Amino acid sequence: MSNATQSLAGTRITSLLDANSFVEIGQSVTARSTDFNMTENKAPSDGVITGYGVIDGNLVYVYSQDASVLNGTVGEMHAKKICSLYDLAIKTGAPVIGLVDCAGLRLQEATDALEAFGNIYLKQTLASGVIPQITAIFGTCGGGMAVIPALTDFTFIESKKGKMFVNTPNALEGNHVSKCDTSDAVFQSEETGLIDVVGTEEEILGQIRELVSLLPSNFEDNDSYGECTDDLNRVCEDLENCTGDTAIALSRIADNGAFFEIKANYGKDIAAGFIRLNGITVGAVANRSEIYDAEGNKTEEFDGTLSARGARKAADFVKFCDAFDIPVLTLTNVTGFKATLCNEKMMAQSVGEMIHAFADATVPKVNVIIGKAYGNAYVAMNSKAIGADIVYAWENAEIGMMDASLAAKIMYAGADAATLNEKAAAYRELQSSVNSAAARGYVDTIISPADTRKYVIGAFEMLFTKREDRPAKKHGTV
């Protein structure tokens, strides 16, 4: 009988995959080490169940660590099973999903276990950009094991039992777990930028299934298309009221209102995730100044600027989309860069990474300016200047260096209020209006907010066969 029917690790696999689709590989593998009385410890499957199955008919490879066997620790054979799974996944072009519940390195195997970790890291690196990689943390993911989620594309963590850390909270000078649990889901999702989704075990397994259905199987075969049952010309009457919380705006634009948001708790001034437009998966990035809960209550508010964390989040997401040939949509509404000491430490580097990601991406790129677009923050948000293929702007959009009133105060310092108002109005008309930007070719078409969905769908349809070359090189360095 398969270990997948006898343990919690196996139950997770069967709950994740389509019914009766899992085929186990390496069931009889066990530890080889005999040091420290290891032969007396039974280690079925060496603490990890590996195999393949399907999600909504799509082939996936899965490994699930079994904490009931040697605490799920990683040893030589444990790692070999995971590496073999990666070899098959790369050969066949299918995603790898890791279900993690592990006490870390197997001390009894010492250097063999260290070598094992290194082998997994190598396979993950080779697979990066070739096949999607997903990690879900249901128990402990500590030490060297914590690097594994960092080498994958998406990471889920169970809200109560999931723990992720390189160093335990008590090992941090001046800290203890009751003061700040740096390993828990809240800290990891808000501070590290590695966690995409937090939820219960049932929620995580369901959302992994949803994510897999949105993603291509590999970088060559973009099979992430679905039948569109929504009206392609649907008018989004309330879209203009969603400029604050663009996660809502994206759901209004998307087929059937579905938006799969990633890293919702990190860099909250940027909303990022996947939507479908005419059945095609599109990666969406949008500035955000407000957050509303499911009941419509405003829970958070931001100042309309771009933070270092938001820029980093956007950069990582765009890189993933470009690697897997997923088109990118941006909704721009930004007034500048966030001005705090904490942000200033990483702002230039993070914005540079974001600009590089947008500029380097060769997938179809569409930008919709839905509000204010000021200064270099506007340039960084997938503007025409850094490679957007099509730029739309709403009728009330403002595009320029800065707010017109502030510009007038700088240019006419010491002038009276009437003069400042007059000059601000002139600056707004000549330099900051959407018509001025369109006249210079920085905006392709001025559109009504309600028509955004049909214009964006049309643009991506037109760009479907886009081909764009880049200078020959090994890879960029940003």
Protein backbone atom coordinates (compact mmCIF):
# COMPACT_ATOMS: atom_id res chain seq x y z
CA MET A 1 0.00 0.00 0.00
CA SER A 2 1.27 3.50 -0.83
CA ASN A 3 2.58 5.64 2.01
CA ALA A 4 0.34 8.35 0.56
CA THR A 5 -2.65 6.64 2.17
CA GLN A 6 -1.12 6.18 5.62
CA SER A 7 0.18 9.54 6.85
CA LEU A 8 -0.62 13.23 7.13
CA ALA A 9 2.00 13.91 4.47
CA GLY A 10 0.20 11.53 2.13
CA THR A 11 -3.22 12.96 2.98
CA ARG A 12 -1.99 16.39 1.92
CA ILE A 13 -1.00 15.01 -1.46
CA THR A 14 -4.32 13.27 -2.06
CA SER A 15 -6.20 16.42 -0.95
CA LEU A 16 -4.17 18.54 -3.36
CA LEU A 17 -4.42 16.38 -6.48
CA ASP A 18 -7.36 15.23 -8.55
CA ALA A 19 -8.99 12.14 -7.08
CA ASN A 20 -7.05 8.89 -7.56
CA SER A 21 -4.42 10.54 -9.74
CA PHE A 22 -1.34 10.25 -7.50
CA VAL A 23 1.36 7.78 -8.46
CA GLU A 24 4.11 7.35 -5.88
CA ILE A 25 7.77 7.08 -6.89
CA GLY A 26 10.47 5.69 -4.61
CA GLN A 27 8.20 4.18 -2.00
CA SER A 28 10.80 1.62 -0.94
CA VAL A 29 13.69 4.04 -0.53
CA THR A 30 15.10 4.29 2.99
CA ALA A 31 18.14 5.77 4.73
CA ARG A 32 21.55 4.13 4.08
CA SER A 33 23.38 5.55 7.09
CA THR A 34 24.13 3.18 9.97
CA ASP A 35 25.82 5.69 12.29
CA PHE A 36 24.33 6.41 15.74
CA ASN A 37 22.09 3.33 15.64
CA MET A 38 20.23 4.57 12.56
CA THR A 39 19.55 0.96 11.52
CA GLU A 40 17.24 0.65 14.53
CA ASN A 41 15.04 3.48 13.27
CA LYS A 42 12.49 2.58 10.68
CA ALA A 43 12.40 5.23 7.96
CA PRO A 44 9.71 4.45 5.39
CA SER A 45 10.31 6.45 2.20
CA ASP A 46 13.09 8.18 4.17
CA GLY A 47 10.61 10.75 5.46
CA VAL A 48 9.39 12.13 2.13
CA ILE A 49 6.66 10.93 -0.22
CA THR A 50 7.36 11.72 -3.88
CA GLY A 51 5.42 11.18 -7.06
CA TYR A 52 3.21 12.74 -9.69
CA GLY A 53 -0.46 13.37 -10.38
CA VAL A 54 -2.75 15.92 -11.98
CA ILE A 55 -4.53 19.13 -10.95
CA ASP A 56 -7.53 19.88 -13.17
CA GLY A 57 -5.92 17.54 -15.68
CA ASN A 58 -2.52 19.25 -15.57
CA LEU A 59 0.53 17.12 -14.75
CA VAL A 60 2.39 18.13 -11.57
CA TYR A 61 5.14 16.56 -9.46
CA VAL A 62 4.76 16.60 -5.68
CA TYR A 63 6.90 15.83 -2.67
CA SER A 64 5.51 15.86 0.85
CA GLN A 65 7.71 15.60 3.92
CA ASP A 66 6.55 13.24 6.65
CA ALA A 67 7.26 14.66 10.11
CA SER A 68 6.33 11.31 11.67
CA VAL A 69 9.47 9.74 10.12
CA LEU A 70 12.71 11.03 11.64
CA ASN A 71 10.91 14.38 12.10
CA GLY A 72 10.93 14.80 8.32
CA THR A 73 14.64 15.63 8.42
CA VAL A 74 16.60 15.85 5.19
CA GLY A 75 19.24 13.19 4.69
CA GLU A 76 21.04 11.71 1.71
CA MET A 77 18.25 9.51 0.32
CA HIS A 78 15.51 11.99 1.26
CA ALA A 79 17.23 14.59 -0.93
CA LYS A 80 17.93 12.12 -3.74
CA LYS A 81 14.21 11.44 -4.04
CA ILE A 82 13.46 15.16 -4.34
CA CYS A 83 16.29 15.64 -6.86
CA SER A 84 15.02 12.72 -8.96
CA LEU A 85 11.58 14.32 -8.96
CA TYR A 86 13.11 17.55 -10.27
CA ASP A 87 14.90 15.64 -13.02
CA LEU A 88 11.60 14.19 -14.21
CA ALA A 89 9.83 17.55 -13.94
CA ILE A 90 12.45 19.31 -16.07
CA LYS A 91 12.40 16.52 -18.67
CA THR A 92 8.61 16.56 -18.98
CA GLY A 93 8.06 20.29 -18.41
CA ALA A 94 5.71 20.20 -15.43
CA PRO A 95 5.57 22.14 -12.11
CA VAL A 96 7.04 20.90 -8.83
CA ILE A 97 5.07 21.39 -5.62
CA GLY A 98 6.81 20.87 -2.27
CA LEU A 99 4.77 20.31 0.88
CA VAL A 100 7.16 21.10 3.72
CA ASP A 101 7.11 19.85 7.30
CA CYS A 102 10.71 19.30 8.29
CA ALA A 103 13.01 19.58 11.30
CA GLY A 104 15.89 20.48 8.99
CA LEU A 105 19.24 18.76 8.58
CA ARG A 106 19.53 15.11 9.67
CA LEU A 107 22.33 15.33 12.22
CA GLN A 108 23.13 11.61 12.08
CA GLU A 109 24.18 11.98 8.45
CA ALA A 110 26.24 15.16 8.84
CA THR A 111 28.20 15.87 5.63
CA ASP A 112 25.97 13.53 3.61
CA ALA A 113 23.01 15.66 4.65
CA LEU A 114 24.85 18.88 3.80
CA GLU A 115 25.68 17.49 0.37
CA ALA A 116 22.02 16.55 0.05
CA PHE A 117 20.86 20.12 0.68
CA GLY A 118 23.31 21.39 -1.90
CA ASN A 119 22.01 18.95 -4.49
CA ILE A 120 18.44 20.16 -3.94
CA TYR A 121 19.55 23.79 -4.28
CA LEU A 122 21.27 22.96 -7.58
CA LYS A 123 18.20 21.26 -9.02
CA GLN A 124 16.00 24.19 -7.99
CA THR A 125 18.39 26.63 -9.64
CA LEU A 126 18.44 24.63 -12.87
CA ALA A 127 14.65 24.47 -12.83
CA SER A 128 14.22 28.20 -12.19
CA GLY A 129 12.55 29.83 -15.19
CA VAL A 130 12.01 26.40 -16.80
CA ILE A 131 9.10 25.10 -14.72
CA PRO A 132 7.00 26.75 -12.00
CA GLN A 133 8.04 25.82 -8.46
CA ILE A 134 5.67 26.07 -5.50
CA THR A 135 6.36 25.52 -1.80
CA ALA A 136 3.76 25.13 0.94
CA ILE A 137 4.91 25.20 4.58
CA PHE A 138 2.67 23.26 6.97
CA GLY A 139 5.07 22.75 9.86
CA THR A 140 8.70 23.67 10.49
CA CYS A 141 10.89 25.00 7.69
CA GLY A 142 14.12 26.02 9.39
CA GLY A 143 17.83 26.45 8.80
CA GLY A 144 18.99 25.31 5.37
CA MET A 145 15.46 24.19 4.56
CA ALA A 146 14.33 27.83 4.67
CA VAL A 147 16.43 28.52 1.57
CA ILE A 148 14.26 26.14 -0.47
CA PRO A 149 11.21 28.48 -0.54
CA ALA A 150 13.54 31.33 -1.53
CA LEU A 151 14.57 29.32 -4.60
CA THR A 152 10.99 28.61 -5.65
CA ASP A 153 8.49 30.94 -7.33
CA PHE A 154 5.59 30.92 -4.87
CA THR A 155 5.43 30.13 -1.16
CA PHE A 156 2.36 29.36 0.95
CA ILE A 157 2.40 29.05 4.74
CA GLU A 158 -0.13 27.63 7.19
CA SER A 159 -1.27 30.45 9.47
CA LYS A 160 -0.85 28.74 12.86
CA LYS A 161 1.54 25.79 12.58
CA GLY A 162 3.74 27.03 9.76
CA LYS A 163 7.19 28.18 10.91
CA MET A 164 9.95 29.48 8.67
CA PHE A 165 13.35 30.69 9.85
CA VAL A 166 17.06 30.57 9.13
CA ASN A 167 17.91 31.31 12.77
CA THR A 168 15.35 30.55 15.46
CA PRO A 169 13.82 33.61 17.20
CA ASN A 170 15.65 32.83 20.47
CA ALA A 171 19.00 32.80 18.64
CA LEU A 172 18.63 36.47 17.66
CA GLU A 173 20.47 38.78 20.03
CA GLY A 174 18.09 40.67 22.30
CA ASN A 175 15.07 38.66 21.16
CA HIS A 176 13.00 35.75 22.36
CA VAL A 177 10.04 34.04 20.79
CA SER A 178 7.49 35.63 23.14
CA LYS A 179 8.81 39.10 22.27
CA CYS A 180 8.92 38.65 18.50
CA ASP A 181 8.29 35.33 16.81
CA THR A 182 10.31 35.89 13.65
CA SER A 183 9.40 32.41 12.44
CA ASP A 184 5.62 32.76 12.38
CA ALA A 185 3.40 33.36 9.37
CA VAL A 186 2.62 36.97 10.30
CA PHE A 187 6.26 38.09 10.53
CA GLN A 188 7.35 36.13 7.48
CA SER A 189 4.50 37.37 5.28
CA GLU A 190 4.82 41.02 6.34
CA GLU A 191 8.58 41.44 6.62
CA THR A 192 10.51 39.05 4.36
CA GLY A 193 8.71 39.26 1.03
CA LEU A 194 8.94 35.48 0.56
CA ILE A 195 5.39 34.49 1.50
CA ASP A 196 2.69 34.75 -1.15
CA VAL A 197 -0.33 33.31 0.65
CA VAL A 198 -1.22 32.67 4.31
CA GLY A 199 -4.15 30.44 5.23
CA THR A 200 -5.43 27.25 6.77
CA GLU A 201 -4.22 23.93 5.38
CA GLU A 202 -7.45 23.47 3.47
CA GLU A 203 -7.29 27.00 2.05
CA ILE A 204 -3.68 26.58 0.97
CA LEU A 205 -4.30 23.33 -0.86
CA GLY A 206 -7.27 24.88 -2.65
CA GLN A 207 -5.32 27.99 -3.62
CA ILE A 208 -2.40 25.95 -4.93
CA ARG A 209 -4.85 24.20 -7.21
CA GLU A 210 -6.16 27.60 -8.36
CA LEU A 211 -2.65 28.91 -8.96
CA VAL A 212 -1.56 25.86 -10.95
CA SER A 213 -4.60 26.28 -13.20
CA LEU A 214 -3.45 29.84 -13.97
CA LEU A 215 0.18 29.04 -14.71
CA PRO A 216 1.80 27.52 -17.80
CA SER A 217 3.37 24.10 -17.27
CA ASN A 218 6.77 25.36 -18.41
CA PHE A 219 8.46 28.25 -20.19
CA GLU A 220 7.93 26.81 -23.68
CA ASP A 221 4.38 25.47 -23.57
CA ASN A 222 2.01 28.22 -22.50
CA ASP A 223 -1.06 26.10 -21.83
CA SER A 224 -2.55 28.49 -19.27
CA TYR A 225 -5.58 29.33 -21.38
CA GLY A 226 -9.18 28.82 -20.44
CA GLU A 227 -12.51 29.38 -22.09
CA CYS A 228 -13.83 32.87 -21.43
CA THR A 229 -17.45 32.90 -20.30
CA ASP A 230 -17.45 36.65 -19.55
CA ASP A 231 -18.46 39.43 -21.95
CA LEU A 232 -15.32 40.73 -23.69
CA ASN A 233 -16.93 44.16 -24.11
CA ARG A 234 -18.35 44.32 -20.59
CA VAL A 235 -18.59 47.89 -19.33
CA CYS A 236 -17.08 48.41 -15.86
CA GLU A 237 -19.34 51.18 -14.60
CA ASP A 238 -17.90 51.39 -11.08
CA LEU A 239 -14.22 51.11 -12.04
CA GLU A 240 -13.50 54.80 -11.50
CA ASN A 241 -14.39 54.34 -7.82
CA CYS A 242 -11.73 51.65 -7.41
CA THR A 243 -8.59 53.75 -8.01
CA GLY A 244 -7.66 53.51 -4.32
CA ASP A 245 -7.84 49.74 -3.88
CA THR A 246 -6.65 48.49 -7.24
CA ALA A 247 -6.99 44.88 -6.15
CA ILE A 248 -10.73 45.54 -6.50
CA ALA A 249 -10.16 47.36 -9.80
CA LEU A 250 -8.26 44.37 -11.20
CA SER A 251 -11.05 42.02 -10.17
CA ARG A 252 -13.55 44.28 -11.97
CA ILE A 253 -11.50 44.14 -15.17
CA ALA A 254 -10.81 40.39 -14.97
CA ASP A 255 -12.88 37.59 -16.45
CA ASN A 256 -15.63 36.69 -13.98
CA GLY A 257 -14.12 38.99 -11.32
CA ALA A 258 -11.28 36.61 -10.36
CA PHE A 259 -7.97 38.05 -9.09
CA PHE A 260 -5.33 35.80 -7.52
CA GLU A 261 -3.25 38.16 -5.38
CA ILE A 262 0.30 37.31 -4.32
CA LYS A 263 2.22 38.75 -1.34
CA ALA A 264 -0.85 40.63 -0.11
CA ASN A 265 0.77 41.37 3.27
CA TYR A 266 4.07 42.71 1.88
CA GLY A 267 4.65 45.99 0.05
CA LYS A 268 0.95 46.75 0.33
CA ASP A 269 1.17 49.90 -1.81
CA ILE A 270 1.48 47.53 -4.78
CA ALA A 271 -1.22 45.02 -5.71
CA ALA A 272 0.17 42.15 -7.77
CA GLY A 273 -1.23 38.87 -8.99
CA PHE A 274 -2.91 36.98 -11.81
CA ILE A 275 -6.12 37.63 -13.69
CA ARG A 276 -7.61 36.18 -16.86
CA LEU A 277 -8.53 38.36 -19.81
CA ASN A 278 -10.40 36.58 -22.61
CA GLY A 279 -9.29 33.34 -20.95
CA ILE A 280 -5.58 34.25 -21.07
CA THR A 281 -3.55 34.49 -17.87
CA VAL A 282 -2.16 37.98 -17.35
CA GLY A 283 0.19 39.21 -14.63
CA ALA A 284 -1.14 42.44 -13.09
CA VAL A 285 0.74 45.10 -11.12
CA ALA A 286 -0.99 48.19 -9.74
CA ASN A 287 -0.28 51.09 -7.38
CA ARG A 288 -2.60 51.06 -4.36
CA SER A 289 -3.46 53.73 -1.80
CA GLU A 290 -6.31 52.02 0.08
CA ILE A 291 -7.30 48.54 1.21
CA TYR A 292 -10.89 47.45 1.79
CA ASP A 293 -12.06 44.23 3.45
CA ALA A 294 -14.69 41.84 2.15
CA GLU A 295 -17.43 43.88 3.85
CA GLY A 296 -16.37 47.07 2.11
CA ASN A 297 -14.71 48.69 5.12
CA LYS A 298 -11.49 50.61 4.63
CA THR A 299 -8.79 48.88 6.69
CA GLU A 300 -5.62 50.67 5.55
CA GLU A 301 -4.65 53.83 3.73
CA PHE A 302 -1.37 54.89 2.08
CA ASP A 303 -0.09 58.16 0.69
CA GLY A 304 -0.02 57.27 -3.01
CA THR A 305 3.75 56.86 -3.22
CA LEU A 306 5.82 53.84 -4.23
CA SER A 307 7.75 52.09 -1.43
CA ALA A 308 10.97 50.12 -1.72
CA ARG A 309 9.13 46.96 -0.73
CA GLY A 310 6.42 47.59 -3.31
CA ALA A 311 9.04 48.09 -6.03
CA ARG A 312 10.85 44.90 -5.04
CA LYS A 313 7.59 42.96 -5.03
CA ALA A 314 6.70 44.25 -8.50
CA ALA A 315 10.18 43.48 -9.87
CA ASP A 316 10.14 39.86 -8.71
CA PHE A 317 6.66 39.32 -10.10
CA VAL A 318 7.40 40.83 -13.51
CA LYS A 319 10.55 38.70 -13.80
CA PHE A 320 8.47 35.58 -13.21
CA CYS A 321 5.87 36.63 -15.79
CA ASP A 322 8.53 37.33 -18.40
CA ALA A 323 10.26 33.99 -17.76
CA PHE A 324 7.02 32.11 -18.43
CA ASP A 325 5.70 34.25 -21.28
CA ILE A 326 2.82 35.73 -19.28
CA PRO A 327 1.67 39.18 -20.51
CA VAL A 328 1.88 42.07 -18.03
CA LEU A 329 -0.76 44.70 -17.25
CA THR A 330 -0.08 47.72 -15.03
CA LEU A 331 -2.46 50.23 -13.48
CA THR A 332 -0.50 53.40 -12.69
CA ASN A 333 -1.54 55.87 -9.99
CA VAL A 334 1.58 57.13 -8.19
CA THR A 335 2.76 60.51 -6.92
CA GLY A 336 6.40 59.75 -6.17
CA PHE A 337 8.68 57.64 -3.97
CA LYS A 338 7.96 57.03 -0.30
CA ALA A 339 10.11 59.37 1.80
CA THR A 340 11.14 57.60 5.01
CA LEU A 341 14.52 56.61 6.43
CA CYS A 342 13.68 52.93 6.20
CA ASN A 343 12.64 53.17 2.54
CA GLU A 344 15.59 55.33 1.58
CA LYS A 345 17.99 52.53 2.52
CA MET A 346 16.72 50.34 -0.33
CA MET A 347 14.73 52.70 -2.56
CA ALA A 348 17.21 53.27 -5.40
CA GLN A 349 18.16 49.61 -5.63
CA SER A 350 14.56 48.36 -5.45
CA VAL A 351 13.31 50.85 -8.04
CA GLY A 352 16.27 49.99 -10.26
CA GLU A 353 15.30 46.32 -10.06
CA MET A 354 11.72 47.17 -10.96
CA ILE A 355 12.71 49.33 -13.93
CA HIS A 356 15.09 46.61 -15.13
CA ALA A 357 12.34 44.00 -14.83
CA PHE A 358 9.85 46.02 -16.89
CA ALA A 359 12.40 47.17 -19.45
CA ASP A 360 13.95 43.72 -19.87
CA ALA A 361 10.63 41.89 -20.22
CA THR A 362 9.80 40.95 -23.81
CA VAL A 363 6.23 39.79 -23.14
CA PRO A 364 3.27 41.99 -24.19
CA LYS A 365 3.10 44.97 -21.80
CA VAL A 366 0.09 47.25 -21.40
CA ASN A 367 -0.12 50.21 -19.02
CA VAL A 368 -3.28 52.05 -17.97
CA ILE A 369 -2.81 55.37 -16.17
CA ILE A 370 -5.82 55.60 -13.88
CA GLY A 371 -4.94 58.65 -11.77
CA LYS A 372 -1.83 60.63 -11.02
CA ALA A 373 1.44 59.70 -12.69
CA TYR A 374 4.16 61.96 -11.33
CA GLY A 375 7.93 62.04 -11.65
CA ASN A 376 10.30 59.13 -11.97
CA ALA A 377 7.87 56.90 -10.08
CA TYR A 378 5.58 57.18 -13.12
CA VAL A 379 8.48 56.39 -15.46
CA ALA A 380 9.29 53.28 -13.40
CA MET A 381 5.72 51.95 -13.57
CA ASN A 382 5.92 50.38 -17.04
CA SER A 383 5.81 53.70 -18.89
CA LYS A 384 6.21 54.03 -22.65
CA ALA A 385 9.78 55.22 -22.03
CA ILE A 386 10.89 51.87 -20.56
CA GLY A 387 9.11 49.66 -23.04
CA ALA A 388 5.35 49.50 -22.56
CA ASP A 389 3.82 48.44 -25.88
CA ILE A 390 0.51 50.24 -25.35
CA VAL A 391 -0.31 52.99 -22.84
CA TYR A 392 -3.88 54.00 -22.14
CA ALA A 393 -4.93 56.82 -19.82
CA TRP A 394 -8.25 57.66 -18.25
CA GLU A 395 -9.79 60.98 -19.16
CA ASN A 396 -9.07 62.51 -15.75
CA ALA A 397 -5.47 61.26 -15.47
CA GLU A 398 -2.61 63.64 -14.61
CA ILE A 399 0.84 62.95 -16.06
CA GLY A 400 3.85 65.10 -15.30
CA MET A 401 6.76 66.00 -13.09
CA MET A 402 4.72 66.83 -9.99
CA ASP A 403 1.48 68.35 -8.73
CA ALA A 404 0.80 71.58 -10.62
CA SER A 405 0.36 73.68 -7.46
CA LEU A 406 3.72 72.58 -6.10
CA ALA A 407 5.40 73.24 -9.44
CA ALA A 408 3.97 76.79 -9.49
CA LYS A 409 5.27 77.47 -5.98
CA ILE A 410 8.77 76.37 -7.00
CA MET A 411 8.83 78.30 -10.28
CA TYR A 412 7.23 81.46 -8.88
CA ALA A 413 8.50 81.55 -5.33
CA GLY A 414 7.22 84.61 -3.47
CA ALA A 415 4.29 85.27 -5.81
CA ASP A 416 0.86 86.05 -4.39
CA ALA A 417 -1.93 83.47 -4.19
CA ALA A 418 -3.74 84.69 -7.30
CA THR A 419 -0.60 84.46 -9.40
CA LEU A 420 0.21 80.99 -8.05
CA ASN A 421 -3.29 79.77 -8.85
CA GLU A 422 -3.06 81.17 -12.36
CA LYS A 423 0.35 79.62 -13.00
CA ALA A 424 -0.72 76.30 -11.49
CA ALA A 425 -3.71 76.16 -13.85
CA ALA A 426 -1.43 76.93 -16.81
CA TYR A 427 1.09 74.30 -15.73
CA ARG A 428 -1.67 71.74 -15.30
CA GLU A 429 -2.94 72.40 -18.82
CA LEU A 430 0.44 72.60 -20.54
CA GLN A 431 2.48 70.01 -18.66
CA SER A 432 0.31 67.73 -16.49
CA SER A 433 -2.85 67.07 -18.48
CA VAL A 434 -3.51 63.75 -20.16
CA ASN A 435 -4.02 65.59 -23.45
CA SER A 436 -0.54 67.09 -23.21
CA ALA A 437 1.00 63.63 -22.67
CA ALA A 438 -1.02 62.16 -25.54
CA ALA A 439 0.07 64.98 -27.86
CA ARG A 440 3.68 64.01 -27.21
CA GLY A 441 3.01 60.31 -27.86
CA TYR A 442 3.49 59.19 -24.27
CA VAL A 443 -0.14 57.99 -24.17
CA ASP A 444 -1.56 56.03 -27.09
CA THR A 445 -5.27 56.43 -26.38
CA ILE A 446 -7.37 58.35 -23.85
CA ILE A 447 -10.21 56.11 -22.68
CA SER A 448 -13.22 56.18 -20.41
CA PRO A 449 -12.69 54.21 -17.17
CA ALA A 450 -15.76 52.11 -17.91
CA ASP A 451 -14.23 50.90 -21.20
CA THR A 452 -10.93 49.73 -19.68
CA ARG A 453 -11.66 45.99 -19.90
CA LYS A 454 -12.43 45.93 -23.62
CA TYR A 455 -9.48 48.16 -24.51
CA VAL A 456 -7.01 46.07 -22.50
CA ILE A 457 -8.33 42.81 -23.96
CA GLY A 458 -8.04 44.28 -27.44
CA ALA A 459 -4.47 45.38 -26.83
CA PHE A 460 -3.34 41.98 -25.61
CA GLU A 461 -5.08 40.30 -28.53
CA MET A 462 -3.21 42.60 -30.92
CA LEU A 463 0.08 41.89 -29.11
CA PHE A 464 -0.40 38.11 -29.04
CA THR A 465 2.27 37.47 -31.67
CA LYS A 466 4.73 40.03 -30.31
CA ARG A 467 8.43 39.25 -30.83
CA GLU A 468 11.16 41.45 -29.44
CA ASP A 469 14.90 40.89 -29.48
CA ARG A 470 17.44 42.01 -26.88
CA PRO A 471 21.21 42.46 -27.20
CA ALA A 472 23.05 39.14 -27.06
CA LYS A 473 24.41 38.54 -23.55
CA LYS A 474 24.64 35.87 -20.91
CA HIS A 475 22.26 37.64 -18.50
CA GLY A 476 21.72 41.00 -16.88
CA THR A 477 23.29 41.93 -13.56
CA VAL A 478 20.50 43.96 -11.90
